[in-house]
PDB file of all heavy atoms in Angstrom:
ATOM      1  N   ARG A   1      94.405 101.628 104.532  1.00  0.00           N
ATOM      2  CA  ARG A   1      93.389 102.679 104.627  1.00  0.00           C
ATOM      3  C   ARG A   1      93.728 103.854 105.503  1.00  0.00           C
ATOM      4  O   ARG A   1      93.063 104.905 105.475  1.00  0.00           O
ATOM      5  CB  ARG A   1      92.018 102.017 105.052  1.00  0.00           C
ATOM      6  CG  ARG A   1      91.479 101.162 104.005  1.00  0.00           C
ATOM      7  CD  ARG A   1      90.036 100.752 104.424  1.00  0.00           C
ATOM      8  NE  ARG A   1      89.257 100.219 103.381  1.00  0.00           N
ATOM      9  CZ  ARG A   1      88.598 100.836 102.414  1.00  0.00           C
ATOM     10  NH1 ARG A   1      88.490 102.141 102.447  1.00  0.00           N
ATOM     11  NH2 ARG A   1      87.957 100.270 101.482  1.00  0.00           N
ATOM     12  N   GLU A   2      94.754 103.651 106.336  1.00  0.00           N
ATOM     13  CA  GLU A   2      95.105 104.746 107.305  1.00  0.00           C
ATOM     14  C   GLU A   2      96.048 105.676 106.762  1.00  0.00           C
ATOM     15  O   GLU A   2      96.122 106.898 107.171  1.00  0.00           O
ATOM     16  CB  GLU A   2      95.616 104.202 108.581  1.00  0.00           C
ATOM     17  CG  GLU A   2      94.706 103.244 109.353  1.00  0.00           C
ATOM     18  CD  GLU A   2      93.472 103.960 109.884  1.00  0.00           C
ATOM     19  OE1 GLU A   2      93.697 105.033 110.518  1.00  0.00           O
ATOM     20  OE2 GLU A   2      92.327 103.422 109.706  1.00  0.00           O
ATOM     21  N   HIS A   3      96.972 105.245 105.884  1.00  0.00           N
ATOM     22  CA  HIS A   3      98.079 106.120 105.446  1.00  0.00           C
ATOM     23  C   HIS A   3      97.956 106.677 103.952  1.00  0.00           C
ATOM     24  O   HIS A   3      97.240 106.147 103.184  1.00  0.00           O
ATOM     25  CB  HIS A   3      99.402 105.376 105.572  1.00  0.00           C
ATOM     26  CG  HIS A   3      99.765 105.000 107.034  1.00  0.00           C
ATOM     27  ND1 HIS A   3      99.264 103.866 107.634  1.00  0.00           N
ATOM     28  CD2 HIS A   3     100.408 105.856 107.922  1.00  0.00           C
ATOM     29  CE1 HIS A   3      99.720 103.848 108.811  1.00  0.00           C
ATOM     30  NE2 HIS A   3     100.313 104.993 109.080  1.00  0.00           N
ATOM     31  N   CYS A   4      98.576 107.743 103.686  1.00  0.00           N
ATOM     32  CA  CYS A   4      98.572 108.404 102.412  1.00  0.00           C
ATOM     33  C   CYS A   4      98.892 107.475 101.246  1.00  0.00           C
ATOM     34  O   CYS A   4      99.868 106.757 101.304  1.00  0.00           O
ATOM     35  CB  CYS A   4      99.649 109.454 102.486  1.00  0.00           C
ATOM     36  SG  CYS A   4      99.915 110.375 100.909  1.00  0.00           S
ATOM     37  N   LEU A   5      98.094 107.515 100.284  1.00  0.00           N
ATOM     38  CA  LEU A   5      98.278 106.571  99.051  1.00  0.00           C
ATOM     39  C   LEU A   5      99.542 106.858  98.362  1.00  0.00           C
ATOM     40  O   LEU A   5     100.182 105.941  97.929  1.00  0.00           O
ATOM     41  CB  LEU A   5      96.985 106.604  98.207  1.00  0.00           C
ATOM     42  CG  LEU A   5      95.719 105.984  98.769  1.00  0.00           C
ATOM     43  CD1 LEU A   5      94.521 106.506  98.009  1.00  0.00           C
ATOM     44  CD2 LEU A   5      95.796 104.491  98.728  1.00  0.00           C
ATOM     45  N   LEU A   6      99.724 108.122  98.202  1.00  0.00           N
ATOM     46  CA  LEU A   6     101.030 108.527  97.501  1.00  0.00           C
ATOM     47  C   LEU A   6     102.186 108.077  98.170  1.00  0.00           C
ATOM     48  O   LEU A   6     103.157 107.506  97.657  1.00  0.00           O
ATOM     49  CB  LEU A   6     101.011 110.074  97.330  1.00  0.00           C
ATOM     50  CG  LEU A   6     102.151 110.611  96.489  1.00  0.00           C
ATOM     51  CD1 LEU A   6     102.084 110.079  95.022  1.00  0.00           C
ATOM     52  CD2 LEU A   6     102.094 112.093  96.438  1.00  0.00           C
ATOM     53  N   GLY A   7     102.127 108.100  99.562  1.00  0.00           N
ATOM     54  CA  GLY A   7     103.315 107.649 100.412  1.00  0.00           C
ATOM     55  C   GLY A   7     103.449 106.196 100.332  1.00  0.00           C
ATOM     56  O   GLY A   7     104.619 105.656 100.486  1.00  0.00           O
ATOM     57  N   GLN A   8     102.402 105.366 100.009  1.00  0.00           N
ATOM     58  CA  GLN A   8     102.490 104.073  99.840  1.00  0.00           C
ATOM     59  C   GLN A   8     102.915 103.499  98.495  1.00  0.00           C
ATOM     60  O   GLN A   8     103.131 102.387  98.169  1.00  0.00           O
ATOM     61  CB  GLN A   8     101.062 103.280 100.106  1.00  0.00           C
ATOM     62  CG  GLN A   8     100.644 103.498 101.548  1.00  0.00           C
ATOM     63  CD  GLN A   8      99.224 102.863 101.656  1.00  0.00           C
ATOM     64  OE1 GLN A   8      99.013 101.661 101.452  1.00  0.00           O
ATOM     65  NE2 GLN A   8      98.265 103.685 102.049  1.00  0.00           N
ATOM     66  N   GLY A   9     103.079 104.614  97.615  1.00  0.00           N
ATOM     67  CA  GLY A   9     103.559 104.271  96.239  1.00  0.00           C
ATOM     68  C   GLY A   9     102.530 104.397  95.148  1.00  0.00           C
ATOM     69  O   GLY A   9     102.819 104.264  93.945  1.00  0.00           O
ATOM     70  N   TYR A  10     101.239 104.501  95.546  1.00  0.00           N
ATOM     71  CA  TYR A  10     100.145 104.623  94.615  1.00  0.00           C
ATOM     72  C   TYR A  10     100.081 106.026  94.057  1.00  0.00           C
ATOM     73  O   TYR A  10     100.180 106.993  94.898  1.00  0.00           O
ATOM     74  CB  TYR A  10      98.850 104.198  95.166  1.00  0.00           C
ATOM     75  CG  TYR A  10      98.838 102.710  95.588  1.00  0.00           C
ATOM     76  CD1 TYR A  10      99.028 102.421  96.917  1.00  0.00           C
ATOM     77  CD2 TYR A  10      98.598 101.697  94.717  1.00  0.00           C
ATOM     78  CE1 TYR A  10      99.115 101.039  97.363  1.00  0.00           C
ATOM     79  CE2 TYR A  10      98.626 100.417  95.112  1.00  0.00           C
ATOM     80  CZ  TYR A  10      98.931 100.090  96.462  1.00  0.00           C
ATOM     81  OH  TYR A  10      98.912  98.708  96.769  1.00  0.00           O
ATOM     82  N   LEU A  11      99.993 106.154  92.739  1.00  0.00           N
ATOM     83  CA  LEU A  11      99.922 107.506  92.096  1.00  0.00           C
ATOM     84  C   LEU A  11      98.667 108.169  92.438  1.00  0.00           C
ATOM     85  O   LEU A  11      97.676 108.036  91.709  1.00  0.00           O
ATOM     86  CB  LEU A  11     100.201 107.484  90.642  1.00  0.00           C
ATOM     87  CG  LEU A  11     100.484 108.793  89.976  1.00  0.00           C
ATOM     88  CD1 LEU A  11     101.604 109.541  90.647  1.00  0.00           C
ATOM     89  CD2 LEU A  11     100.646 108.603  88.515  1.00  0.00           C
ATOM     90  N   CYS A  12      98.582 108.880  93.464  1.00  0.00           N
ATOM     91  CA  CYS A  12      97.381 109.600  93.884  1.00  0.00           C
ATOM     92  C   CYS A  12      97.610 111.146  93.584  1.00  0.00           C
ATOM     93  O   CYS A  12      98.557 111.760  93.946  1.00  0.00           O
ATOM     94  CB  CYS A  12      97.163 109.467  95.431  1.00  0.00           C
ATOM     95  SG  CYS A  12      95.657 110.265  96.019  1.00  0.00           S
ATOM     96  N   LEU A  13      96.726 111.656  92.673  1.00  0.00           N
ATOM     97  CA  LEU A  13      96.865 113.051  92.126  1.00  0.00           C
ATOM     98  C   LEU A  13      96.197 113.953  93.109  1.00  0.00           C
ATOM     99  O   LEU A  13      95.979 115.211  92.677  1.00  0.00           O
ATOM    100  CB  LEU A  13      96.379 113.165  90.751  1.00  0.00           C
ATOM    101  CG  LEU A  13      96.957 112.261  89.762  1.00  0.00           C
ATOM    102  CD1 LEU A  13      96.335 112.487  88.323  1.00  0.00           C
ATOM    103  CD2 LEU A  13      98.460 112.431  89.653  1.00  0.00           C
ATOM    104  N   GLY A  14      95.813 113.546  94.306  1.00  0.00           N
ATOM    105  CA  GLY A  14      95.071 114.494  95.200  1.00  0.00           C
ATOM    106  C   GLY A  14      95.886 115.793  95.520  1.00  0.00           C
ATOM    107  O   GLY A  14      95.251 116.794  95.762  1.00  0.00           O
ATOM    108  N   SER A  15      97.193 115.721  95.682  1.00  0.00           N
ATOM    109  CA  SER A  15      97.935 116.988  96.017  1.00  0.00           C
ATOM    110  C   SER A  15      98.040 117.941  94.852  1.00  0.00           C
ATOM    111  O   SER A  15      98.371 119.184  95.129  1.00  0.00           O
ATOM    112  CB  SER A  15      99.332 116.521  96.411  1.00  0.00           C
ATOM    113  OG  SER A  15     100.047 116.074  95.359  1.00  0.00           O
ATOM    114  N   VAL A  16      97.621 117.613  93.624  1.00  0.00           N
ATOM    115  CA  VAL A  16      97.680 118.481  92.518  1.00  0.00           C
ATOM    116  C   VAL A  16      96.323 118.626  91.846  1.00  0.00           C
ATOM    117  O   VAL A  16      96.253 118.976  90.626  1.00  0.00           O
ATOM    118  CB  VAL A  16      98.749 118.044  91.462  1.00  0.00           C
ATOM    119  CG1 VAL A  16     100.177 118.074  92.116  1.00  0.00           C
ATOM    120  CG2 VAL A  16      98.478 116.630  90.932  1.00  0.00           C
ATOM    121  N   THR A  17      95.255 118.328  92.579  1.00  0.00           N
ATOM    122  CA  THR A  17      93.920 118.445  92.051  1.00  0.00           C
ATOM    123  C   THR A  17      92.956 119.310  92.883  1.00  0.00           C
ATOM    124  O   THR A  17      93.047 119.135  94.146  1.00  0.00           O
ATOM    125  CB  THR A  17      93.323 116.976  91.939  1.00  0.00           C
ATOM    126  OG1 THR A  17      94.241 116.167  91.149  1.00  0.00           O
ATOM    127  CG2 THR A  17      91.968 117.015  91.346  1.00  0.00           C
ATOM    128  N   PHE A  18      92.137 120.105  92.284  1.00  0.00           N
ATOM    129  CA  PHE A  18      91.163 120.913  92.971  1.00  0.00           C
ATOM    130  C   PHE A  18      90.292 120.023  93.948  1.00  0.00           C
ATOM    131  O   PHE A  18      89.824 118.961  93.520  1.00  0.00           O
ATOM    132  CB  PHE A  18      90.199 121.553  92.086  1.00  0.00           C
ATOM    133  CG  PHE A  18      90.560 122.970  91.769  1.00  0.00           C
ATOM    134  CD1 PHE A  18      90.555 123.429  90.447  1.00  0.00           C
ATOM    135  CD2 PHE A  18      90.732 123.907  92.737  1.00  0.00           C
ATOM    136  CE1 PHE A  18      90.806 124.802  90.189  1.00  0.00           C
ATOM    137  CE2 PHE A  18      91.099 125.224  92.469  1.00  0.00           C
ATOM    138  CZ  PHE A  18      91.146 125.612  91.176  1.00  0.00           C
ATOM    139  N   GLY A  19      90.072 120.435  95.136  1.00  0.00           N
ATOM    140  CA  GLY A  19      89.275 119.623  96.076  1.00  0.00           C
ATOM    141  C   GLY A  19      87.879 120.043  96.182  1.00  0.00           C
ATOM    142  O   GLY A  19      87.414 120.650  97.122  1.00  0.00           O
ATOM    143  N   ARG A  20      87.105 119.743  95.207  1.00  0.00           N
ATOM    144  CA  ARG A  20      85.709 120.109  95.208  1.00  0.00           C
ATOM    145  C   ARG A  20      84.923 118.868  95.420  1.00  0.00           C
ATOM    146  O   ARG A  20      83.665 118.983  95.252  1.00  0.00           O
ATOM    147  CB  ARG A  20      85.281 120.715  93.872  1.00  0.00           C
ATOM    148  CG  ARG A  20      85.940 122.053  93.683  1.00  0.00           C
ATOM    149  CD  ARG A  20      85.668 122.713  92.356  1.00  0.00           C
ATOM    150  NE  ARG A  20      86.404 122.003  91.288  1.00  0.00           N
ATOM    151  CZ  ARG A  20      86.605 122.407  90.077  1.00  0.00           C
ATOM    152  NH1 ARG A  20      85.999 123.521  89.649  1.00  0.00           N
ATOM    153  NH2 ARG A  20      87.313 121.842  89.216  1.00  0.00           N
ATOM    154  N   CYS A  21      85.469 117.793  95.635  1.00  0.00           N
ATOM    155  CA  CYS A  21      84.719 116.459  95.613  1.00  0.00           C
ATOM    156  C   CYS A  21      84.602 115.920  96.994  1.00  0.00           C
ATOM    157  O   CYS A  21      83.905 114.889  97.189  1.00  0.00           O
ATOM    158  CB  CYS A  21      85.429 115.460  94.780  1.00  0.00           C
ATOM    159  SG  CYS A  21      87.089 115.186  95.340  1.00  0.00           S
ATOM    160  N   GLY A  22      85.145 116.587  98.013  1.00  0.00           N
ATOM    161  CA  GLY A  22      85.072 116.016  99.414  1.00  0.00           C
ATOM    162  C   GLY A  22      85.977 114.797  99.608  1.00  0.00           C
ATOM    163  O   GLY A  22      85.837 114.031 100.493  1.00  0.00           O
ATOM    164  N   ALA A  23      86.962 114.701  98.725  1.00  0.00           N
ATOM    165  CA  ALA A  23      87.912 113.582  98.718  1.00  0.00           C
ATOM    166  C   ALA A  23      87.244 112.178  98.800  1.00  0.00           C
ATOM    167  O   ALA A  23      87.597 111.380  99.645  1.00  0.00           O
ATOM    168  CB  ALA A  23      88.922 113.877  99.807  1.00  0.00           C
ATOM    169  N   SER A  24      86.267 112.005  98.015  1.00  0.00           N
ATOM    170  CA  SER A  24      85.525 110.774  98.052  1.00  0.00           C
ATOM    171  C   SER A  24      86.289 109.522  97.685  1.00  0.00           C
ATOM    172  O   SER A  24      86.048 108.474  98.193  1.00  0.00           O
ATOM    173  CB  SER A  24      84.256 110.894  97.273  1.00  0.00           C
ATOM    174  OG  SER A  24      84.499 111.202  95.977  1.00  0.00           O
ATOM    175  N   CYS A  25      87.213 109.657  96.780  1.00  0.00           N
ATOM    176  CA  CYS A  25      87.914 108.465  96.343  1.00  0.00           C
ATOM    177  C   CYS A  25      88.960 107.980  97.388  1.00  0.00           C
ATOM    178  O   CYS A  25      88.903 106.813  97.853  1.00  0.00           O
ATOM    179  CB  CYS A  25      88.645 108.702  94.992  1.00  0.00           C
ATOM    180  SG  CYS A  25      87.443 108.954  93.711  1.00  0.00           S
ATOM    181  N   PRO A  26      89.974 108.778  97.757  1.00  0.00           N
ATOM    182  CA  PRO A  26      91.007 108.221  98.574  1.00  0.00           C
ATOM    183  C   PRO A  26      90.580 107.729  99.971  1.00  0.00           C
ATOM    184  O   PRO A  26      90.755 106.537 100.246  1.00  0.00           O
ATOM    185  CB  PRO A  26      92.032 109.354  98.807  1.00  0.00           C
ATOM    186  CG  PRO A  26      91.797 110.238  97.586  1.00  0.00           C
ATOM    187  CD  PRO A  26      90.264 110.089  97.256  1.00  0.00           C
ATOM    188  N   PRO A  27      89.925 108.561 100.810  1.00  0.00           N
ATOM    189  CA  PRO A  27      89.586 107.904 102.153  1.00  0.00           C
ATOM    190  C   PRO A  27      88.492 107.002 102.162  1.00  0.00           C
ATOM    191  O   PRO A  27      88.533 105.946 102.844  1.00  0.00           O
ATOM    192  CB  PRO A  27      89.391 109.223 102.955  1.00  0.00           C
ATOM    193  CG  PRO A  27      89.043 110.226 102.067  1.00  0.00           C
ATOM    194  CD  PRO A  27      89.623 109.889 100.702  1.00  0.00           C
ATOM    195  N   LYS A  28      87.402 107.265 101.453  1.00  0.00           N
ATOM    196  CA  LYS A  28      86.214 106.463 101.557  1.00  0.00           C
ATOM    197  C   LYS A  28      86.217 105.185 100.743  1.00  0.00           C
ATOM    198  O   LYS A  28      85.710 104.154 101.097  1.00  0.00           O
ATOM    199  CB  LYS A  28      84.979 107.271 101.214  1.00  0.00           C
ATOM    200  CG  LYS A  28      84.816 108.463 102.142  1.00  0.00           C
ATOM    201  CD  LYS A  28      83.627 109.432 101.722  1.00  0.00           C
ATOM    202  CE  LYS A  28      83.640 110.609 102.610  1.00  0.00           C
ATOM    203  NZ  LYS A  28      83.773 111.821 101.913  1.00  0.00           N
ATOM    204  N   ASN A  29      86.827 105.273  99.505  1.00  0.00           N
ATOM    205  CA  ASN A  29      86.822 104.095  98.685  1.00  0.00           C
ATOM    206  C   ASN A  29      88.195 103.421  98.461  1.00  0.00           C
ATOM    207  O   ASN A  29      88.303 102.458  97.703  1.00  0.00           O
ATOM    208  CB  ASN A  29      86.190 104.548  97.310  1.00  0.00           C
ATOM    209  CG  ASN A  29      84.802 105.046  97.396  1.00  0.00           C
ATOM    210  OD1 ASN A  29      83.944 104.203  97.996  1.00  0.00           O
ATOM    211  ND2 ASN A  29      84.518 106.265  96.987  1.00  0.00           N
ATOM    212  N   ASN A  30      89.216 103.881  99.092  1.00  0.00           N
ATOM    213  CA  ASN A  30      90.605 103.400  99.081  1.00  0.00           C
ATOM    214  C   ASN A  30      91.085 103.336  97.583  1.00  0.00           C
ATOM    215  O   ASN A  30      91.769 102.371  97.183  1.00  0.00           O
ATOM    216  CB  ASN A  30      90.592 101.986  99.660  1.00  0.00           C
ATOM    217  CG  ASN A  30      91.917 101.731 100.256  1.00  0.00           C
ATOM    218  OD1 ASN A  30      92.762 102.554 100.618  1.00  0.00           O
ATOM    219  ND2 ASN A  30      92.170 100.393 100.426  1.00  0.00           N
ATOM    220  N   ILE A  31      90.759 104.360  96.847  1.00  0.00           N
ATOM    221  CA  ILE A  31      91.129 104.463  95.394  1.00  0.00           C
ATOM    222  C   ILE A  31      92.001 105.839  95.310  1.00  0.00           C
ATOM    223  O   ILE A  31      91.567 106.864  95.734  1.00  0.00           O
ATOM    224  CB  ILE A  31      89.967 104.578  94.534  1.00  0.00           C
ATOM    225  CG1 ILE A  31      89.115 103.284  94.612  1.00  0.00           C
ATOM    226  CG2 ILE A  31      90.470 104.779  93.130  1.00  0.00           C
ATOM    227  CD1 ILE A  31      87.782 103.448  93.921  1.00  0.00           C
ATOM    228  N   PRO A  32      93.202 105.769  94.710  1.00  0.00           N
ATOM    229  CA  PRO A  32      93.970 106.934  94.429  1.00  0.00           C
ATOM    230  C   PRO A  32      93.190 108.034  93.713  1.00  0.00           C
ATOM    231  O   PRO A  32      92.424 107.655  92.776  1.00  0.00           O
ATOM    232  CB  PRO A  32      95.153 106.447  93.689  1.00  0.00           C
ATOM    233  CG  PRO A  32      95.287 105.033  93.953  1.00  0.00           C
ATOM    234  CD  PRO A  32      93.920 104.588  94.187  1.00  0.00           C
ATOM    235  N   CYS A  33      93.377 109.233  93.859  1.00  0.00           N
ATOM    236  CA  CYS A  33      92.697 110.368  93.179  1.00  0.00           C
ATOM    237  C   CYS A  33      93.141 110.300  91.658  1.00  0.00           C
ATOM    238  O   CYS A  33      94.314 110.231  91.438  1.00  0.00           O
ATOM    239  CB  CYS A  33      93.090 111.756  93.753  1.00  0.00           C
ATOM    240  SG  CYS A  33      92.481 113.100  92.890  1.00  0.00           S
ATOM    241  N   HIS A  34      92.221 110.438  90.798  1.00  0.00           N
ATOM    242  CA  HIS A  34      92.487 110.430  89.363  1.00  0.00           C
ATOM    243  C   HIS A  34      92.671 111.793  88.789  1.00  0.00           C
ATOM    244  O   HIS A  34      93.060 111.975  87.652  1.00  0.00           O
ATOM    245  CB  HIS A  34      91.320 109.827  88.572  1.00  0.00           C
ATOM    246  CG  HIS A  34      90.994 108.402  88.871  1.00  0.00           C
ATOM    247  ND1 HIS A  34      91.899 107.339  88.578  1.00  0.00           N
ATOM    248  CD2 HIS A  34      90.001 107.845  89.566  1.00  0.00           C
ATOM    249  CE1 HIS A  34      91.380 106.244  88.828  1.00  0.00           C
ATOM    250  NE2 HIS A  34      90.216 106.472  89.524  1.00  0.00           N
ATOM    251  N   GLY A  35      92.448 112.849  89.603  1.00  0.00           N
ATOM    252  CA  GLY A  35      92.632 114.269  89.134  1.00  0.00           C
ATOM    253  C   GLY A  35      91.412 114.721  88.379  1.00  0.00           C
ATOM    254  O   GLY A  35      91.566 115.561  87.536  1.00  0.00           O
ATOM    255  N   CYS A  36      90.208 114.230  88.612  1.00  0.00           N
ATOM    256  CA  CYS A  36      88.932 114.669  87.922  1.00  0.00           C
ATOM    257  C   CYS A  36      88.787 116.157  87.877  1.00  0.00           C
ATOM    258  O   CYS A  36      88.315 116.617  86.841  1.00  0.00           O
ATOM    259  CB  CYS A  36      87.768 113.965  88.476  1.00  0.00           C
ATOM    260  SG  CYS A  36      87.832 112.205  88.506  1.00  0.00           S
TER     261      CYS A  36
END
């Protein structure tokens, strides 16, 4: 929960997705960003 999901090997699309959601998936729910 402390380190970047992409860095851990999980395909997190957070770096290529508009940030209008408050990043609710990666930090709060421990789920990689889907790119919604």
